[in-house]
Protein backbone atom coordinates (compact mmCIF):
# COMPACT_ATOMS: atom_id res chain seq x y z
CA UNK A 1 -61.82 72.84 45.14
CA UNK A 2 -64.66 70.49 44.23
CA UNK A 3 -65.28 69.75 40.55
CA UNK A 4 -68.80 68.67 39.77
CA UNK A 5 -69.64 66.22 37.04
CA UNK A 6 -71.57 67.58 34.03
CA UNK A 7 -75.29 67.17 34.52
CA UNK A 8 -74.92 66.59 38.26
CA UNK A 9 -75.30 70.15 39.50
CA UNK A 10 -78.47 71.40 41.11
CA UNK A 11 -79.66 74.51 42.87
CA UNK A 12 -78.22 73.07 46.09
CA UNK A 13 -74.74 73.16 44.53
CA UNK A 14 -74.88 76.74 43.27
CA UNK A 15 -71.49 78.42 43.48
CA UNK A 16 -70.33 81.97 44.11
CA UNK A 17 -67.40 84.20 43.20
CA UNK A 18 -66.79 87.16 45.52
CA UNK A 19 -64.24 89.72 44.31
CA UNK A 20 -63.26 92.41 46.83
CA UNK A 21 -61.10 95.43 46.04
CA UNK A 22 -59.87 97.27 49.09
CA UNK A 23 -57.92 100.51 49.19
CA UNK A 24 -54.97 100.93 46.83
CA UNK A 25 -51.49 100.71 48.35
CA UNK A 26 -49.37 103.71 47.41
CA UNK A 27 -45.75 104.48 48.27
CA UNK A 28 -44.07 107.72 47.26
CA UNK A 29 -46.96 108.41 44.87
CA UNK A 30 -46.33 105.09 43.09
CA UNK A 31 -49.12 102.50 43.19
CA UNK A 32 -47.96 99.23 44.75
CA UNK A 33 -51.20 97.37 44.20
CA UNK A 34 -54.24 98.58 42.25
CA UNK A 35 -57.19 96.47 43.44
CA UNK A 36 -59.63 97.91 40.88
CA UNK A 37 -57.35 96.91 38.00
CA UNK A 38 -57.06 93.41 39.46
CA UNK A 39 -60.84 93.06 39.69
CA UNK A 40 -61.27 94.32 36.13
CA UNK A 41 -58.90 91.62 34.87
CA UNK A 42 -60.56 88.88 36.91
CA UNK A 43 -63.95 90.05 35.66
CA UNK A 44 -63.04 88.76 32.20
CA UNK A 45 -62.40 85.23 33.48
CA UNK A 46 -65.54 83.06 33.38
CA UNK A 47 -66.85 82.11 36.82
CA UNK A 48 -66.78 78.44 35.82
CA UNK A 49 -63.01 78.71 35.32
CA UNK A 50 -62.45 80.59 38.57
CA UNK A 51 -64.50 78.03 40.49
CA UNK A 52 -63.30 75.01 38.53
CA UNK A 53 -66.94 73.94 38.43
CA UNK A 54 -69.80 73.70 35.96
CA UNK A 55 -72.39 74.45 38.64
CA UNK A 56 -74.52 77.57 38.10
CA UNK A 57 -72.97 80.46 39.99
CA UNK A 58 -73.20 84.11 40.91
CA UNK A 59 -70.47 86.74 40.91
CA UNK A 60 -70.28 89.74 43.25
CA UNK A 61 -67.93 92.68 42.70
CA UNK A 62 -67.10 94.96 45.61
CA UNK A 63 -64.98 97.82 44.33
CA UNK A 64 -64.78 101.12 46.17
CA UNK A 65 -66.78 100.01 49.22
CA UNK A 66 -66.40 102.32 52.23
CA UNK A 67 -68.58 100.60 54.82
CA UNK A 68 -67.14 97.41 56.37
CA UNK A 69 -70.64 96.26 57.29
CA UNK A 70 -71.61 96.27 53.61
CA UNK A 71 -68.62 94.06 52.86
CA UNK A 72 -69.55 91.82 55.79
CA UNK A 73 -73.08 91.31 54.43
CA UNK A 74 -71.70 90.32 51.02
CA UNK A 75 -69.16 88.03 52.64
CA UNK A 76 -71.82 86.41 54.80
CA UNK A 77 -74.10 85.85 51.80
CA UNK A 78 -71.22 84.33 49.83
CA UNK A 79 -70.26 82.06 52.74
CA UNK A 80 -73.84 80.75 52.84
CA UNK A 81 -73.65 79.42 49.27
CA UNK A 82 -73.95 75.61 49.28
CA UNK A 83 -71.60 75.04 46.37
CA UNK A 84 -68.03 76.02 45.50
CA UNK A 85 -66.89 79.47 46.62
CA UNK A 86 -63.95 81.63 45.57
CA UNK A 87 -63.14 84.78 47.53
CA UNK A 88 -60.53 87.12 46.05
CA UNK A 89 -59.20 90.06 48.05
CA UNK A 90 -56.76 92.69 46.89
CA UNK A 91 -55.58 95.88 48.53
CA UNK A 92 -53.77 97.29 51.52
CA UNK A 93 -53.49 95.36 54.76
CA UNK A 94 -53.32 97.63 57.80
CA UNK A 95 -53.43 97.42 61.61
CA UNK A 96 -55.68 99.01 64.21
CA UNK A 97 -53.36 99.88 67.07
CA UNK A 98 -56.22 100.46 69.50
CA UNK A 99 -58.08 97.26 68.77
CA UNK A 100 -54.88 95.32 68.02
CA UNK A 101 -56.47 93.81 64.89
CA UNK A 102 -55.43 93.43 61.26
CA UNK A 103 -57.78 95.04 58.74
CA UNK A 104 -58.24 95.22 54.99
CA UNK A 105 -58.29 98.96 54.29
CA UNK A 106 -61.33 100.06 52.32
CA UNK A 107 -61.77 103.20 50.23
CA UNK A 108 -61.12 106.19 52.46
CA UNK A 109 -59.51 104.25 55.31
CA UNK A 110 -56.80 106.19 57.16
CA UNK A 111 -54.55 105.42 60.12
CA UNK A 112 -57.00 107.29 62.37
CA UNK A 113 -60.22 105.69 61.07
CA UNK A 114 -59.17 102.06 60.61
CA UNK A 115 -61.52 100.58 63.19
CA UNK A 116 -64.54 102.33 61.62
CA UNK A 117 -63.75 102.27 57.90
CA UNK A 118 -61.74 99.05 57.30
CA UNK A 119 -62.74 95.38 57.26
CA UNK A 120 -61.45 93.46 60.30
CA UNK A 121 -59.50 90.47 59.03
CA UNK A 122 -61.05 88.32 61.74
CA UNK A 123 -64.47 88.81 60.10
CA UNK A 124 -63.23 87.00 56.99
CA UNK A 125 -61.82 84.12 59.04
CA UNK A 126 -64.97 83.86 61.16
CA UNK A 127 -67.44 83.91 58.26
CA UNK A 128 -65.62 81.25 56.25
CA UNK A 129 -64.74 78.99 59.19
CA UNK A 130 -68.02 76.97 59.22
CA UNK A 131 -67.89 76.09 55.52
CA UNK A 132 -67.33 72.44 54.56
CA UNK A 133 -63.76 71.50 53.75
CA UNK A 134 -62.95 71.36 50.04
CA UNK A 135 -65.51 73.88 48.79
CA UNK A 136 -63.75 77.17 49.50
CA UNK A 137 -60.76 78.89 47.93
CA UNK A 138 -59.37 82.24 49.08
CA UNK A 139 -56.93 84.13 46.84
CA UNK A 140 -55.04 87.14 48.22
CA UNK A 141 -53.00 89.84 46.53
CA UNK A 142 -52.13 92.26 49.32
CA UNK A 143 -49.60 94.85 50.39
CA UNK A 144 -48.98 95.32 54.11
CA UNK A 145 -48.46 98.89 55.25
CA UNK A 146 -45.93 99.98 57.89
CA UNK A 147 -48.41 99.36 60.68
CA UNK A 148 -49.33 95.81 59.58
CA UNK A 149 -45.98 94.43 58.49
CA UNK A 150 -44.38 94.12 61.96
CA UNK A 151 -47.51 92.32 63.19
CA UNK A 152 -47.35 89.84 60.31
CA UNK A 153 -43.67 89.27 60.97
CA UNK A 154 -44.39 88.58 64.63
CA UNK A 155 -47.25 86.22 63.76
CA UNK A 156 -45.15 84.50 61.11
CA UNK A 157 -47.90 84.90 58.53
CA UNK A 158 -51.51 85.90 58.00
CA UNK A 159 -54.36 84.10 59.83
CA UNK A 160 -56.51 82.24 57.30
CA UNK A 161 -59.76 80.20 57.48
CA UNK A 162 -58.96 76.61 58.39
CA UNK A 163 -61.61 75.16 56.07
CA UNK A 164 -60.44 77.10 53.00
CA UNK A 165 -57.62 76.57 50.57
CA UNK A 166 -55.79 79.90 50.81
CA UNK A 167 -53.26 81.11 48.27
CA UNK A 168 -51.68 84.47 47.72
CA UNK A 169 -48.99 86.97 48.55
CA UNK A 170 -48.49 89.77 51.06
CA UNK A 171 -45.88 92.22 49.86
CA UNK A 172 -43.86 94.29 52.38
CA UNK A 173 -44.28 98.06 52.55
CA UNK A 174 -40.75 98.98 51.50
CA UNK A 175 -40.87 98.38 47.75
CA UNK A 176 -41.41 101.38 45.50
CA UNK A 177 -44.23 100.04 43.36
CA UNK A 178 -45.08 100.45 39.71
CA UNK A 179 -47.90 101.70 37.53
CA UNK A 180 -51.62 101.58 38.17
CA UNK A 181 -52.04 98.21 36.46
CA UNK A 182 -52.82 94.58 37.22
CA UNK A 183 -50.34 93.37 39.82
CA UNK A 184 -47.79 90.75 38.86
CA UNK A 185 -49.11 87.89 41.02
CA UNK A 186 -52.73 88.28 39.88
CA UNK A 187 -51.68 88.75 36.25
CA UNK A 188 -49.65 85.53 36.22
CA UNK A 189 -52.42 83.70 38.08
CA UNK A 190 -54.86 84.71 35.34
CA UNK A 191 -52.31 83.93 32.61
CA UNK A 192 -52.01 80.36 33.87
CA UNK A 193 -55.78 79.96 33.76
CA UNK A 194 -55.80 81.27 30.20
CA UNK A 195 -52.89 79.21 28.91
CA UNK A 196 -53.96 75.81 30.18
CA UNK A 197 -56.73 73.90 28.37
CA UNK A 198 -57.63 72.24 31.69
CA UNK A 199 -57.67 74.33 34.85
CA UNK A 200 -54.65 73.67 37.09
CA UNK A 201 -55.21 73.04 40.78
CA UNK A 202 -55.06 75.98 43.16
CA UNK A 203 -51.68 74.96 44.50
CA UNK A 204 -50.21 74.75 40.98
CA UNK A 205 -51.70 78.10 39.99
CA UNK A 206 -50.15 79.66 43.09
CA UNK A 207 -46.77 78.01 42.60
CA UNK A 208 -46.59 79.03 38.95
CA UNK A 209 -47.68 82.61 39.72
CA UNK A 210 -45.13 82.98 42.52
CA UNK A 211 -42.41 81.53 40.33
CA UNK A 212 -43.12 83.93 37.46
CA UNK A 213 -44.11 87.13 39.27
CA UNK A 214 -40.65 88.43 40.33
CA UNK A 215 -42.00 89.39 43.76
CA UNK A 216 -40.16 91.91 45.95
CA UNK A 217 -37.70 90.45 48.52
CA UNK A 218 -39.38 89.49 51.78
CA UNK A 219 -42.81 88.86 50.25
CA UNK A 220 -44.91 86.47 52.33
CA UNK A 221 -46.53 83.68 50.36
CA UNK A 222 -49.53 81.64 51.40
CA UNK A 223 -48.76 78.81 51.62
CA UNK A 224 -45.03 79.39 52.10
CA UNK A 225 -42.84 78.79 49.05
CA UNK A 226 -40.96 76.13 50.98
CA UNK A 227 -44.13 74.05 51.05
CA UNK A 228 -44.37 74.48 47.29
CA UNK A 229 -40.70 73.99 46.46
CA UNK A 230 -41.22 71.10 44.07
CA UNK A 231 -43.82 72.71 41.79
CA UNK A 232 -42.13 76.10 42.08
CA UNK A 233 -38.80 74.65 41.00
CA UNK A 234 -40.56 72.88 38.15
CA UNK A 235 -41.96 76.24 37.06
CA UNK A 236 -38.51 77.84 37.12
CA UNK A 237 -36.95 74.98 35.19
CA UNK A 238 -39.92 74.66 32.87
CA UNK A 239 -40.29 78.29 31.84
CA UNK A 240 -38.23 77.61 28.72
CA UNK A 241 -40.29 74.49 28.07
CA UNK A 242 -43.73 76.03 28.49
CA UNK A 243 -45.60 77.03 25.32
CA UNK A 244 -46.58 80.65 25.01
CA UNK A 245 -50.15 79.42 24.63
CA UNK A 246 -51.70 76.02 24.28
CA UNK A 247 -52.00 75.52 20.54
CA UNK A 248 -52.27 72.64 18.09
CA UNK A 249 -48.87 71.13 17.21
CA UNK A 250 -47.30 72.39 14.01
CA UNK A 251 -46.95 69.64 11.36
CA UNK A 252 -43.71 67.67 11.62
CA UNK A 253 -42.78 68.51 8.04
CA UNK A 254 -42.89 72.23 8.70
CA UNK A 255 -39.88 74.18 7.47
CA UNK A 256 -39.10 77.63 8.83
CA UNK A 257 -38.65 80.16 6.00
CA UNK A 258 -35.11 81.42 5.54
CA UNK A 259 -36.02 84.98 6.58
CA UNK A 260 -36.41 83.90 10.22
CA UNK A 261 -33.38 85.33 12.02
CA UNK A 262 -33.80 83.48 15.31
CA UNK A 263 -31.92 80.19 15.82
CA UNK A 264 -34.21 77.26 15.10
CA UNK A 265 -34.04 73.82 16.77
CA UNK A 266 -32.89 71.24 14.25
CA UNK A 267 -34.87 68.29 15.64
CA UNK A 268 -37.54 67.30 13.04
CA UNK A 269 -41.08 67.80 14.27
CA UNK A 270 -40.09 69.77 17.37
CA UNK A 271 -42.73 72.23 18.56
CA UNK A 272 -41.20 75.72 18.06
CA UNK A 273 -43.28 77.43 20.75
CA UNK A 274 -41.06 76.52 23.74
CA UNK A 275 -38.02 77.81 21.87
CA UNK A 276 -39.84 81.05 20.99
CA UNK A 277 -40.93 81.48 24.60
CA UNK A 278 -37.35 80.93 25.77
CA UNK A 279 -36.13 83.68 23.44
CA UNK A 280 -38.77 86.10 24.75
CA UNK A 281 -38.16 85.39 28.43
CA UNK A 282 -34.43 85.92 27.91
CA UNK A 283 -35.08 89.37 26.44
CA UNK A 284 -34.48 88.45 22.79
CA UNK A 285 -37.85 89.85 21.76
CA UNK A 286 -37.01 90.68 18.15
CA UNK A 287 -35.78 87.14 17.47
CA UNK A 288 -38.84 85.65 19.15
CA UNK A 289 -41.20 87.86 17.14
CA UNK A 290 -39.41 87.11 13.86
CA UNK A 291 -39.53 83.37 14.41
CA UNK A 292 -43.18 83.47 15.49
CA UNK A 293 -44.11 85.48 12.40
CA UNK A 294 -42.31 82.97 10.18
CA UNK A 295 -44.20 80.05 11.69
CA UNK A 296 -47.44 81.97 11.46
CA UNK A 297 -46.88 82.44 7.72
CA UNK A 298 -46.29 78.71 7.35
CA UNK A 299 -49.51 77.93 9.23
CA UNK A 300 -51.43 80.39 7.05
CA UNK A 301 -50.20 78.62 3.93
CA UNK A 302 -51.10 75.19 5.28
CA UNK A 303 -54.36 75.86 7.11
CA UNK A 304 -55.66 79.20 5.82
CA UNK A 305 -56.25 82.64 7.29
CA UNK A 306 -59.47 81.75 9.10
CA UNK A 307 -58.22 78.51 10.65
CA UNK A 308 -58.00 77.94 14.42
CA UNK A 309 -54.27 77.33 13.99
CA UNK A 310 -53.82 80.78 12.44
CA UNK A 311 -55.73 82.40 15.29
CA UNK A 312 -53.59 80.63 17.87
CA UNK A 313 -50.40 81.92 16.26
CA UNK A 314 -51.85 85.43 16.20
CA UNK A 315 -52.40 85.04 19.94
CA UNK A 316 -48.82 83.86 20.39
CA UNK A 317 -47.59 86.96 18.58
CA UNK A 318 -49.88 89.13 20.70
CA UNK A 319 -48.44 87.68 23.88
CA UNK A 320 -44.91 88.18 22.59
CA UNK A 321 -45.70 91.81 21.77
CA UNK A 322 -47.03 92.29 25.29
CA UNK A 323 -43.88 90.78 26.79
CA UNK A 324 -41.79 93.16 24.68
CA UNK A 325 -43.85 96.17 25.80
CA UNK A 326 -45.25 96.77 22.30
CA UNK A 327 -48.80 97.34 23.50
CA UNK A 328 -50.00 98.87 20.24
CA UNK A 329 -49.23 95.74 18.27
CA UNK A 330 -50.40 93.51 21.11
CA UNK A 331 -53.76 95.30 21.26
CA UNK A 332 -54.32 94.99 17.51
CA UNK A 333 -53.36 91.31 17.49
CA UNK A 334 -55.59 90.45 20.45
CA UNK A 335 -58.54 92.28 18.88
CA UNK A 336 -58.00 90.41 15.61
CA UNK A 337 -57.78 87.10 17.48
CA UNK A 338 -60.96 87.92 19.39
CA UNK A 339 -62.87 88.67 16.18
CA UNK A 340 -61.58 85.48 14.57
CA UNK A 341 -62.65 83.37 17.52
CA UNK A 342 -66.01 85.13 17.73
CA UNK A 343 -66.67 84.16 14.10
CA UNK A 344 -66.67 80.46 15.02
CA UNK A 345 -67.19 80.34 18.79
CA UNK A 346 -69.89 81.53 21.18
CA UNK A 347 -69.47 85.00 22.74
CA UNK A 348 -69.06 83.48 26.20
CA UNK A 349 -66.40 80.93 25.18
CA UNK A 350 -63.34 81.16 27.48
CA UNK A 351 -61.02 81.66 24.50
CA UNK A 352 -63.09 84.58 23.21
CA UNK A 353 -63.17 86.22 26.64
CA UNK A 354 -59.44 85.61 27.08
CA UNK A 355 -58.69 87.38 23.79
CA UNK A 356 -60.90 90.29 24.87
CA UNK A 357 -59.11 90.41 28.21
CA UNK A 358 -55.75 90.53 26.45
CA UNK A 359 -56.92 93.30 24.14
CA UNK A 360 -58.43 95.35 26.95
CA UNK A 361 -55.38 95.04 29.18
CA UNK A 362 -52.91 96.00 26.44
CA UNK A 363 -55.13 98.89 25.32
CA UNK A 364 -55.10 100.33 28.84
CA UNK A 365 -51.29 100.37 28.65
CA UNK A 366 -51.25 102.51 25.50
CA UNK A 367 -49.86 105.96 26.24
CA UNK A 368 -50.07 107.25 22.67
CA UNK A 369 -53.48 108.94 22.44
CA UNK A 370 -53.80 108.56 18.67
CA UNK A 371 -53.02 104.84 18.86
CA UNK A 372 -55.42 104.40 21.78
CA UNK A 373 -58.22 106.18 19.91
CA UNK A 374 -57.67 104.10 16.78
CA UNK A 375 -57.56 100.78 18.61
CA UNK A 376 -60.34 101.79 20.99
CA UNK A 377 -62.98 101.85 18.26
CA UNK A 378 -62.24 98.26 17.27
CA UNK A 379 -61.99 97.22 20.91
CA UNK A 380 -65.44 98.63 21.65
CA UNK A 381 -66.91 96.71 18.71
CA UNK A 382 -65.41 93.51 20.12
CA UNK A 383 -66.56 94.15 23.69
CA UNK A 384 -70.07 95.12 22.51
CA UNK A 385 -70.40 91.65 21.00
CA UNK A 386 -69.81 89.92 24.38
CA UNK A 387 -73.07 89.92 26.37
CA UNK A 388 -71.49 88.11 29.34
CA UNK A 389 -68.88 90.82 29.78
CA UNK A 390 -68.98 92.73 33.05
CA UNK A 391 -70.91 95.93 32.11
CA UNK A 392 -68.57 98.09 34.17
CA UNK A 393 -65.63 97.21 31.93
CA UNK A 394 -67.49 98.32 28.83
CA UNK A 395 -68.57 101.51 30.59
CA UNK A 396 -64.99 102.33 31.65
CA UNK A 397 -63.73 101.67 28.13
CA UNK A 398 -66.31 104.07 26.71
CA UNK A 399 -65.41 106.66 29.31
CA UNK A 400 -61.75 106.49 28.35
CA UNK A 401 -62.66 106.83 24.69
CA UNK A 402 -64.71 109.93 25.51
CA UNK A 403 -61.70 111.41 27.27
CA UNK A 404 -59.42 110.53 24.36
CA UNK A 405 -61.81 112.01 21.81
CA UNK A 406 -62.04 115.18 23.83
CA UNK A 407 -58.30 115.60 24.28
CA UNK A 408 -56.09 116.94 21.46
CA UNK A 409 -53.50 114.39 20.36
CA UNK A 410 -49.95 115.08 21.47
CA UNK A 411 -48.47 113.21 18.52
């Protein structure tokens, strides 16, 4: 996608982000993809990062739409934007047997009402076809139902706009599914945006997300993983080499305190973060957390509690807690990191919004009502301080808090 030079944008280059949530895909009462959760997570990523552009831009959320013509109008308006455009679609892909067309199921779409209540896939292809090459990116996180999957298999893939860079996954209908949370592909796609100080290209984001997402067997990737074999293999080999987050290097003279139980590389000056990440990805969460805490204590002694380095290590520990499934600790750490960053950065800084996104996601995973109530108060204070936050996210957080406050604790 085009990257404009600072100071070069104009109204003619205005960009647009269009986020579309179709109907959820459910199998045996288990949610396979939750489009609303995916849009909520993407809503915390600044449009400039999504577009890889500093041009002024607009963002449109379509969540819960039932009329395909409404979606078409939004799609047509987005396609008319003269600058960079990102279109994200998540939901259930289905097939109209009468019309012989693929559709994105919208809220309320059924097998009998597809042609009236779902978005024909051809509309997407048609609307984006005239756009100039290099200005359009389409990202897909879809599940094909039993009607659509045989059609995709016969076609050998999903038709996409020729002028757009298209990345994404289409998961087959057979897998059981998980919880009503951000899907693995979208989550890793966002994680890569958050972890890298400079935005990776679309093809790298896709390759990294596919490599890390543990997709169900048979999943279709766009483009195919074979076309991305080199970067995908690099991701698989490099997972033990990738820092948990991009942070300032720890001083070469750093010495890990003796209480750290995890094995420590003996090479002087070696960055400990890749080693910590390797421990976590191999399931050795306690060792990873212990080592990270030890290095955090060292950084606190060297740089102080309010230093950027201390905040970055708090974020590392938050990410480790999330990987270990300790959402209570992860929520508290992300909130603390968000407050620390907010004390020295603007409320719309990508790092501040990323910390808020981490806190909000982990808080939604909390099943313990008492813990969720306690952390929710601090989370609301943090979200209230972010004027660029999507208002719907703050509203949903308040609604959950109202439910929690009105429900007796089970602890």
